[in-house]
C-alpha atoms as a PDB file:
ATOM      1  CA  MET A   1      -4.996 -16.641  12.037  1.00  0.00           C
ATOM      2  CA  ASN A   2      -3.559 -18.753  14.776  1.00  0.00           C
ATOM      3  CA  PRO A   3      -4.075 -17.165  18.229  1.00  0.00           C
ATOM      4  CA  GLN A   4      -1.001 -19.011  19.500  1.00  0.00           C
ATOM      5  CA  ILE A   5       1.296 -17.118  17.106  1.00  0.00           C
ATOM      6  CA  MET A   6       2.547 -13.775  18.399  1.00  0.00           C
ATOM      7  CA  PRO A   7       1.364 -10.959  16.097  1.00  0.00           C
ATOM      8  CA  THR A   8       4.204  -9.137  14.367  1.00  0.00           C
ATOM      9  CA  LEU A   9       4.567  -6.404  11.830  1.00  0.00           C
ATOM     10  CA  GLU A  10       5.937  -8.949   9.364  1.00  0.00           C
ATOM     11  CA  LEU A  11       2.881 -11.164   9.868  1.00  0.00           C
ATOM     12  CA  LEU A  12       0.556  -8.208   9.244  1.00  0.00           C
ATOM     13  CA  GLN A  13       2.466  -7.379   6.070  1.00  0.00           C
ATOM     14  CA  SER A  14       2.241 -10.978   4.910  1.00  0.00           C
ATOM     15  CA  HIS A  15      -1.520 -11.147   5.494  1.00  0.00           C
ATOM     16  CA  LEU A  16      -2.140  -7.837   3.709  1.00  0.00           C
ATOM     17  CA  LEU A  17      -0.062  -8.766   0.688  1.00  0.00           C
ATOM     18  CA  THR A  18      -1.556 -12.251   0.458  1.00  0.00           C
ATOM     19  CA  GLY A  19      -5.077 -10.848   0.696  1.00  0.00           C
ATOM     20  CA  ALA A  20      -4.324  -8.278  -1.972  1.00  0.00           C
ATOM     21  CA  GLN A  21      -2.966 -10.965  -4.288  1.00  0.00           C
ATOM     22  CA  TYR A  22      -6.056 -13.129  -3.767  1.00  0.00           C
ATOM     23  CA  SER A  23      -8.180 -10.068  -4.517  1.00  0.00           C
ATOM     24  CA  GLY A  24      -6.527  -9.740  -7.900  1.00  0.00           C
ATOM     25  CA  ILE A  25      -4.340  -6.724  -7.188  1.00  0.00           C
ATOM     26  CA  SER A  26      -1.313  -7.052  -9.401  1.00  0.00           C
ATOM     27  CA  ASP A  27       0.685  -4.003  -8.255  1.00  0.00           C
ATOM     28  CA  LEU A  28       1.520  -4.500  -4.577  1.00  0.00           C
ATOM     29  CA  SER A  29       4.085  -1.698  -4.428  1.00  0.00           C
ATOM     30  CA  SER A  30       1.766   0.755  -2.642  1.00  0.00           C
ATOM     31  CA  LEU A  31       1.048  -1.786   0.098  1.00  0.00           C
ATOM     32  CA  GLN A  32       4.692  -2.767   0.372  1.00  0.00           C
ATOM     33  CA  SER A  33       5.717   0.876   0.742  1.00  0.00           C
ATOM     34  CA  LEU A  34       3.628   1.122   3.922  1.00  0.00           C
ATOM     35  CA  PHE A  35       6.175  -1.081   5.678  1.00  0.00           C
ATOM     36  CA  VAL A  36       9.425   0.431   4.389  1.00  0.00           C
ATOM     37  CA  GLY A  37      11.474   1.707   7.303  1.00  0.00           C
ATOM     38  CA  LYS A  38       8.946   0.556   9.913  1.00  0.00           C
ATOM     39  CA  ARG A  39       9.799  -1.610  12.877  1.00  0.00           C
ATOM     40  CA  GLN A  40       7.862  -3.550  15.461  1.00  0.00           C
ATOM     41  CA  LEU A  41       7.183  -1.752  18.741  1.00  0.00           C
ATOM     42  CA  ALA A  42       8.183  -3.596  21.876  1.00  0.00           C
ATOM     43  CA  PRO A  43       5.177  -5.189  23.612  1.00  0.00           C
ATOM     44  CA  GLY A  44       3.515  -3.420  26.516  1.00  0.00           C
ATOM     45  CA  ALA A  45       2.294   0.045  27.335  1.00  0.00           C
ATOM     46  CA  TYR A  46       4.551   3.067  27.015  1.00  0.00           C
ATOM     47  CA  ASP A  47       4.486   5.380  29.997  1.00  0.00           C
ATOM     48  CA  LEU A  48       4.553   9.037  28.950  1.00  0.00           C
ATOM     49  CA  LYS A  49       5.543  10.066  32.474  1.00  0.00           C
ATOM     50  CA  THR A  50       9.079   8.855  31.785  1.00  0.00           C
ATOM     51  CA  LEU A  51       9.497  11.114  28.728  1.00  0.00           C
ATOM     52  CA  ASP A  52      11.322  14.394  28.934  1.00  0.00           C
ATOM     53  CA  SER A  53       9.833  17.544  27.395  1.00  0.00           C
ATOM     54  CA  GLU A  54      11.639  16.909  24.079  1.00  0.00           C
ATOM     55  CA  GLY A  55      10.235  13.379  23.841  1.00  0.00           C
ATOM     56  CA  LEU A  56       6.726  14.630  24.545  1.00  0.00           C
ATOM     57  CA  LEU A  57       7.100  17.309  21.860  1.00  0.00           C
ATOM     58  CA  GLN A  58       8.131  14.607  19.365  1.00  0.00           C
ATOM     59  CA  ILE A  59       5.008  12.580  20.171  1.00  0.00           C
ATOM     60  CA  LYS A  60       2.791  15.649  19.779  1.00  0.00           C
ATOM     61  CA  LYS A  61       4.465  16.349  16.420  1.00  0.00           C
ATOM     62  CA  LYS A  62       3.854  12.767  15.250  1.00  0.00           C
ATOM     63  CA  ALA A  63       0.200  13.046  16.273  1.00  0.00           C
ATOM     64  CA  LEU A  64      -0.144  16.256  14.238  1.00  0.00           C
ATOM     65  CA  GLU A  65       1.551  14.603  11.234  1.00  0.00           C
ATOM     66  CA  LYS A  66      -0.989  11.792  11.397  1.00  0.00           C
ATOM     67  CA  ASN A  67      -3.776  14.369  11.802  1.00  0.00           C
ATOM     68  CA  VAL A  68      -5.110  12.844  15.034  1.00  0.00           C
ATOM     69  CA  THR A  69      -5.517  14.211  18.533  1.00  0.00           C
ATOM     70  CA  LEU A  70      -2.842  13.436  21.086  1.00  0.00           C
ATOM     71  CA  ALA A  71      -5.363  11.323  23.031  1.00  0.00           C
ATOM     72  CA  LYS A  72      -6.161   9.264  19.925  1.00  0.00           C
ATOM     73  CA  PHE A  73      -2.442   8.897  19.106  1.00  0.00           C
ATOM     74  CA  LYS A  74      -1.719   7.678  22.644  1.00  0.00           C
ATOM     75  CA  SER A  75      -4.550   5.168  22.390  1.00  0.00           C
ATOM     76  CA  LEU A  76      -3.434   3.882  18.990  1.00  0.00           C
ATOM     77  CA  TYR A  77       0.189   3.419  19.988  1.00  0.00           C
ATOM     78  CA  GLY A  78      -0.254   2.047  23.498  1.00  0.00           C
ATOM     79  CA  TYR A  79       0.794   5.060  25.534  1.00  0.00           C
ATOM     80  CA  LYS A  80      -0.758   5.604  28.947  1.00  0.00           C
END
């Protein structure tokens, strides 16, 4: 990896798929499906204080869907 290149979701996908191919995995569809419908988050921290109650409920729901605590979810996704 080149530290001068900004990390992107597309770059992560490329590295994963290339590594899988080099490892001899012939069916890459399961890895490719991880990225379907996903988009890059804007850089920086996300301040939860600016969310309304509905937005906070959505974040709590996403944390439950991923089976992680809200604190862990906030840490993983750059919320403060």
